[in-house]
Every structure is written in C-alpha cells, then in structure tokens.
C-alpha cells in the first residue's frame, strides 16, 4: 500500500490533485504503512517548504466571557472549565508577550480574542497593537483572530498592518450544527470571505475528534481547499471537564498523523500547522509529524500550556529542520526561550482554546 501513496505524491507533483477517494484512503491507511505514508506526504512538504518550519506564537488578548456556545471550547457560554477570565490586555502587555515569542524564534504572532466578534472599538485596539508591534519588529507577520467580522473591519485591520486573519471552519458543514448552534457555518465562511476581499491572507482550519466521520473530515479539508485557505491549523480536540465534549477520546497518535498527511495531500502547497492538542494526541509522533506539516505554535496556546518552547526548538533542530526566517539564530534561541519568564503567558494552564 505504501507504493499507492508514493504514486499519489508523484501524480500531485506532476500537476494532478488528490481526489476525495484518495483522501479517504490516506485516513484509512494501515498503521503498518504509516512510515511509507509519511515519506510520500513528506515529498510534497519538501517540494514546497524545503526543510523549514514556520513558528507561530499566540497572544490571548481576551479570555473567556464568550456568548457563543461552541461545545468544544473552554471559553464558551455554558462551559464550566476552570480557565482564567479577563478582558483586553493592554498594548504594553501584548508587546511583552509577543516579544517573548519572537525572541524564541517565532515569525508570526497570532493575536486572539474571545467573543462572537469585535466591535469597531475592539478593532481599533488591535490596530493600535499591530502598529506598535510592527514598529518594534518590522519583519513580524501579524494574524488576527477576533471572531465574526462586520463590513469594513477587515479593511481597517489590513490598513493597520495585519497580514492574515484566522477564522476556522472547525468541521464539515454537514456536522457544524452538532458542535455549535449560536452561529452558522455560513457565518464563518462569510468572515473568511471578508478577510480575503480586504487583502488579508485567509487562515482557516479544523478540529479533529468532534465525533465527525471520515467522510466529514474529507469534506472539511476539501472545503478549506475551495476557500483557498493559505494556512490550515489542524487542531486535535482536548476534551476538558466542563465542556460538552468532556471525556470524548476519539484520537490516537497514528490517527492524528494520518489527518495531517491527508491535509498535505489535499492542499500540498499550503501551510499545514500542527495546532492545539498536538502534545496530548500526537505525543511521541510529534517529530514525525514535522515531516508532513511545516508549521507549529511555540509554547502555550490560549488557555492551556503547550510543550516547553525549548523542547519545541530542539525537536525542530534534532529532526534536521530550521526555523523559517531565523535559521542563523536557532542555536541561540534554544537556550534563550528556556529562561524567558514571559514565554508562559497569562491565562495558560487549563484548556486549549486554540479550538476557538
């Protein structure tokens, strides 16, 4: 069967595309074929991204207090998850936290706030933060994740220097109403469209482990391809107490790796990011997953601790990869992040809401 995936990679490299049947075959591959599957997907990864890994860093601008009922999220309406709740960080706090990630090797800062969507006043706060961040770190990429956008808000973010906008579809349209009822799948697609129209790079991904079928995972990936998402965060559900998905354990390390491989085959030239839940679900296969995906978050997520930043840097280096944009600084940052007291952020420690 490994030859099948190698032939699929060759076909894609020759200008072809993976079909839905191909994607299903990847998801349902035997564990005995896992190394061959990774090697085949890795050919596509190397073709488009070489041996680089893009490192991203999350800044949680506002935690909890959300009126939406997303069943997977610790910050949602009705969640009893024991998270730290706070309103907006100040500009100085944001710069301090972002600086920690950038010193650790990140090249993109993802500024995230909870809530249904931003007010125009909120947009101005983020615009001011972005302008200050880019003044101090001119080369940084800024991605905003603020919820559903209204007319004109994406344009204001673009004007302020925001480069990308994250709004995950999270799951297949056919499964969406099972996981959230306070907004629709079309609402999410509309926001992605607003971001694209304003010239922001669309960042949209999914959460695996929400009770979806194999076919629905394939449906979600092909929807992301149709939406032309430039970067695809692949989250793995962390079923914490206090949410409707508590005690939902559907994922294994090999299952997670196959999902990432499917994303690479379906969207071969897009940034595939290993996002929330990688430490819990990929476990010892995290390093192998880097041979399929080309992007990770450094350190913590929104309301949960991730792997130590130093361990992430060492994992990248030990597997023969270099950090995109910081190749010469890799050895230095491996020590630098270990001792940076701001690399652990306010709000981390209980639940991953990179699922947000």
Foldseek 3Di string as FASTA:
>chain_A
DLVVLLVLLVCVVVPDADDLVNLLCLLPPDPVNLVSLLVSLLVLCCVQPNQAFAEEAEDEQFAAPADWQQQQFCRYPQFPFPFDGDHGDALVQRLLLVVLRVLLQHQEYEYEYHYQFDDVVVLVRVLVSLLVNCVVVVRHAYEYEGHQDDPPSLLSNVVSPHAAYEQALAWAQVCSCVRTPPDHSVSSLVRQVNNVVNNHQYEYEHEPQPPDDSSGLSRRLVVCVVSVHQEYEYAYGDQDPRGPSHPRDDAALSSVLSSLSSSCRRVSNHAYEHEHPCCPHNPVCPLSSCSNHRYYYAFCANQATDPQNLVVLVSSVVSPHAYPPQRVCSVVSSVVSVPSPSNDDPTYHTGHVVVD
